[in-house]
């Protein structure tokens, strides 16, 4: 019989409490002021920790943004998967999934665009970047699962199409031309492009 998991020790609980405070402080400050107008000192002060401690959890402000946004992205992806499962039409199901990611990314547009830049150009060996790239990969997998419902799309073709849909989505969210666009407008732009890719 497997042993029951042991409760976390005091040290681990303290580390988790600090991480929770850092994430809450960064989330609030980034949402209110935007990532560019927030300093690491402000985040440390709000989290009631020293800046040295802050840098044990994230070495740069970009990594802090990844830490905060990864959590929101994971939640959005879970909502998108659930929404897609309930929709029989393949295009509508893909777009239900995509819409959740777009909404998450555009909660604060500058933060969302910075997050995408950090994801693409950041150090993939850094844990928060690795997590962000993992979420992008999970998004592609979730889209491929939906595309495989269409009997005309072979399994390998679904993975390739999902990669293209994901690229369209990320580019549409990051594009300067879409800064003033609403979630509905960005989602419709993505839908128009994805529709062309799918079998008639």
Protein backbone atom coordinates (compact mmCIF):
# COMPACT_ATOMS: atom_id res chain seq x y z
CA UNK A 1 0.00 0.00 0.00
CA UNK A 2 1.49 3.38 -1.00
CA UNK A 3 2.36 5.75 1.82
CA UNK A 4 0.12 8.76 2.29
CA UNK A 5 1.73 12.01 1.13
CA UNK A 6 3.39 13.89 3.94
CA UNK A 7 2.21 17.43 4.65
CA UNK A 8 4.61 20.15 3.57
CA UNK A 9 7.11 21.21 6.22
CA UNK A 10 7.32 24.72 7.64
CA UNK A 11 10.07 25.75 5.22
CA UNK A 12 8.04 24.66 2.20
CA UNK A 13 4.92 26.35 3.55
CA UNK A 14 6.88 29.58 4.07
CA UNK A 15 8.25 29.42 0.53
CA UNK A 16 4.77 28.86 -0.89
CA UNK A 17 3.35 31.73 1.20
CA UNK A 18 6.04 34.08 -0.15
CA UNK A 19 5.40 32.92 -3.71
CA UNK A 20 1.67 33.51 -3.25
CA UNK A 21 2.34 37.04 -1.93
CA UNK A 22 4.71 37.79 -4.80
CA UNK A 23 2.20 36.58 -7.38
CA UNK A 24 -0.66 38.54 -5.78
CA UNK A 25 1.44 41.72 -5.57
CA UNK A 26 2.76 41.43 -9.13
CA UNK A 27 -0.68 40.59 -10.50
CA UNK A 28 -2.28 43.59 -8.83
CA UNK A 29 0.46 46.06 -9.76
CA UNK A 30 0.79 44.83 -13.35
CA UNK A 31 -2.99 44.97 -13.84
CA UNK A 32 -3.23 48.47 -12.38
CA UNK A 33 -0.17 50.12 -13.93
CA UNK A 34 1.11 47.84 -16.68
CA UNK A 35 4.36 45.89 -16.52
CA UNK A 36 6.47 48.73 -17.92
CA UNK A 37 5.47 51.14 -15.13
CA UNK A 38 6.06 48.80 -12.21
CA UNK A 39 9.43 48.24 -10.53
CA UNK A 40 10.65 45.10 -8.82
CA UNK A 41 11.06 47.20 -5.67
CA UNK A 42 7.34 48.06 -5.73
CA UNK A 43 6.48 44.37 -6.06
CA UNK A 44 8.82 43.42 -3.22
CA UNK A 45 7.39 46.16 -0.99
CA UNK A 46 3.80 45.12 -1.72
CA UNK A 47 4.66 41.45 -1.08
CA UNK A 48 6.43 42.48 2.15
CA UNK A 49 9.73 40.84 1.22
CA UNK A 50 13.22 42.05 0.32
CA UNK A 51 14.24 42.43 -3.30
CA UNK A 52 16.89 39.75 -2.77
CA UNK A 53 14.16 37.32 -1.79
CA UNK A 54 12.07 38.37 -4.79
CA UNK A 55 14.94 37.51 -7.14
CA UNK A 56 15.08 33.99 -5.73
CA UNK A 57 11.65 33.45 -7.30
CA UNK A 58 12.14 35.41 -10.53
CA UNK A 59 15.37 37.02 -11.74
CA UNK A 60 13.77 39.77 -13.84
CA UNK A 61 10.53 41.68 -14.15
CA UNK A 62 9.87 39.75 -17.37
CA UNK A 63 10.09 36.49 -15.46
CA UNK A 64 7.69 37.87 -12.85
CA UNK A 65 5.23 38.66 -15.63
CA UNK A 66 5.62 35.12 -16.97
CA UNK A 67 5.02 33.72 -13.48
CA UNK A 68 1.79 35.70 -13.11
CA UNK A 69 0.52 35.28 -16.66
CA UNK A 70 1.30 31.54 -16.84
CA UNK A 71 -1.18 30.94 -14.05
CA UNK A 72 -3.88 32.98 -15.82
CA UNK A 73 -3.08 31.31 -19.15
CA UNK A 74 -3.38 27.82 -17.64
CA UNK A 75 -6.82 28.72 -16.26
CA UNK A 76 -7.90 30.16 -19.63
CA UNK A 77 -6.71 27.04 -21.44
CA UNK A 78 -8.70 24.82 -19.07
CA UNK A 79 -11.82 26.93 -19.69
CA UNK A 80 -11.19 26.79 -23.44
CA UNK A 81 -10.86 23.00 -23.45
CA UNK A 82 -14.11 22.66 -21.50
CA UNK A 83 -15.93 25.06 -23.84
CA UNK A 84 -14.62 23.26 -26.94
CA UNK A 85 -15.78 19.85 -25.68
CA UNK A 86 -19.37 21.07 -25.54
CA UNK A 87 -19.44 22.35 -29.16
CA UNK A 88 -19.91 19.86 -32.01
CA UNK A 89 -18.83 22.10 -34.92
CA UNK A 90 -15.04 21.91 -35.34
CA UNK A 91 -14.45 25.55 -36.29
CA UNK A 92 -16.73 26.80 -33.52
CA UNK A 93 -15.01 24.49 -31.02
CA UNK A 94 -11.52 25.67 -32.04
CA UNK A 95 -12.65 29.28 -31.71
CA UNK A 96 -14.21 28.66 -28.28
CA UNK A 97 -10.80 27.47 -27.12
CA UNK A 98 -8.95 30.30 -28.85
CA UNK A 99 -11.30 32.95 -27.46
CA UNK A 100 -10.44 32.06 -23.87
CA UNK A 101 -6.72 32.51 -24.60
CA UNK A 102 -7.34 35.81 -26.40
CA UNK A 103 -9.47 37.14 -23.52
CA UNK A 104 -6.77 36.18 -21.03
CA UNK A 105 -4.02 37.78 -23.10
CA UNK A 106 -5.95 41.01 -23.59
CA UNK A 107 -7.00 41.59 -19.98
CA UNK A 108 -4.22 44.19 -19.99
CA UNK A 109 -3.08 44.55 -23.62
CA UNK A 110 0.47 45.82 -23.01
CA UNK A 111 1.08 43.08 -20.44
CA UNK A 112 -0.30 40.49 -22.85
CA UNK A 113 1.98 41.64 -25.66
CA UNK A 114 4.99 41.76 -23.33
CA UNK A 115 4.15 38.24 -22.13
CA UNK A 116 4.20 36.96 -25.71
CA UNK A 117 7.52 38.70 -26.37
CA UNK A 118 9.02 37.18 -23.22
CA UNK A 119 7.66 33.77 -24.20
CA UNK A 120 9.23 33.90 -27.66
CA UNK A 121 12.53 35.65 -26.94
CA UNK A 122 13.20 34.72 -23.32
CA UNK A 123 15.63 32.09 -22.07
CA UNK A 124 13.94 28.69 -22.56
CA UNK A 125 16.14 27.26 -19.80
CA UNK A 126 14.51 29.56 -17.22
CA UNK A 127 11.61 27.75 -15.50
CA UNK A 128 8.92 30.40 -16.09
CA UNK A 129 9.82 30.62 -19.79
CA UNK A 130 9.80 26.85 -20.02
CA UNK A 131 6.33 26.80 -18.41
CA UNK A 132 5.09 29.44 -20.88
CA UNK A 133 6.38 27.42 -23.83
CA UNK A 134 4.74 24.34 -22.33
CA UNK A 135 1.42 26.17 -22.24
CA UNK A 136 1.82 27.15 -25.90
CA UNK A 137 2.48 23.49 -26.72
CA UNK A 138 -0.57 22.41 -24.67
CA UNK A 139 -2.66 24.92 -26.62
CA UNK A 140 -1.55 23.36 -29.89
CA UNK A 141 -2.35 19.88 -28.56
CA UNK A 142 -5.81 21.00 -27.43
CA UNK A 143 -6.51 22.51 -30.87
CA UNK A 144 -5.27 19.31 -32.56
CA UNK A 145 -7.64 17.23 -30.42
CA UNK A 146 -10.56 19.32 -31.68
CA UNK A 147 -9.38 19.18 -35.31
CA UNK A 148 -9.14 15.36 -35.17
CA UNK A 149 -12.92 15.24 -34.78
CA UNK A 150 -13.10 16.06 -38.49
CA UNK A 151 -12.70 12.70 -40.23
CA UNK A 152 -11.20 14.43 -43.26
CA UNK A 153 -8.19 15.61 -41.28
CA UNK A 154 -5.58 12.91 -40.61
CA UNK A 155 -3.82 12.83 -37.25
CA UNK A 156 -0.51 14.27 -38.49
CA UNK A 157 -2.37 16.88 -40.50
CA UNK A 158 -4.30 17.92 -37.40
CA UNK A 159 -1.04 18.54 -35.53
CA UNK A 160 0.32 20.65 -38.40
CA UNK A 161 -2.93 22.60 -38.70
CA UNK A 162 -2.96 23.17 -34.93
CA UNK A 163 0.57 24.57 -35.16
CA UNK A 164 -0.59 27.00 -37.86
CA UNK A 165 -3.73 27.99 -35.91
CA UNK A 166 -1.59 28.61 -32.84
CA UNK A 167 0.81 30.79 -34.85
CA UNK A 168 -2.11 32.79 -36.25
CA UNK A 169 -3.51 33.27 -32.75
CA UNK A 170 -0.23 34.42 -31.19
CA UNK A 171 0.60 36.73 -34.09
CA UNK A 172 -2.88 38.28 -34.02
CA UNK A 173 -2.60 38.92 -30.27
CA UNK A 174 0.90 40.41 -30.55
CA UNK A 175 0.48 42.49 -33.72
CA UNK A 176 0.81 46.24 -33.25
CA UNK A 177 -2.00 46.78 -35.74
CA UNK A 178 -4.39 45.05 -33.29
CA UNK A 179 -3.51 47.11 -30.19
CA UNK A 180 -6.84 48.96 -30.25
CA UNK A 181 -8.86 45.92 -31.36
CA UNK A 182 -11.42 44.34 -29.04
CA UNK A 183 -11.42 40.68 -28.06
CA UNK A 184 -14.30 40.16 -30.51
CA UNK A 185 -12.37 41.81 -33.35
CA UNK A 186 -9.19 39.84 -32.71
CA UNK A 187 -11.15 36.60 -32.39
CA UNK A 188 -13.05 37.30 -35.63
CA UNK A 189 -9.77 38.02 -37.44
CA UNK A 190 -8.38 34.68 -36.23
CA UNK A 191 -11.61 32.90 -37.19
CA UNK A 192 -11.49 34.31 -40.73
CA UNK A 193 -7.96 32.94 -41.18
CA UNK A 194 -8.66 29.56 -39.59
CA UNK A 195 -11.78 29.05 -41.70
CA UNK A 196 -9.63 29.10 -44.85
CA UNK A 197 -7.42 26.32 -43.47
CA UNK A 198 -10.20 23.84 -42.70
CA UNK A 199 -11.81 21.48 -45.21
CA UNK A 200 -15.05 22.76 -46.76
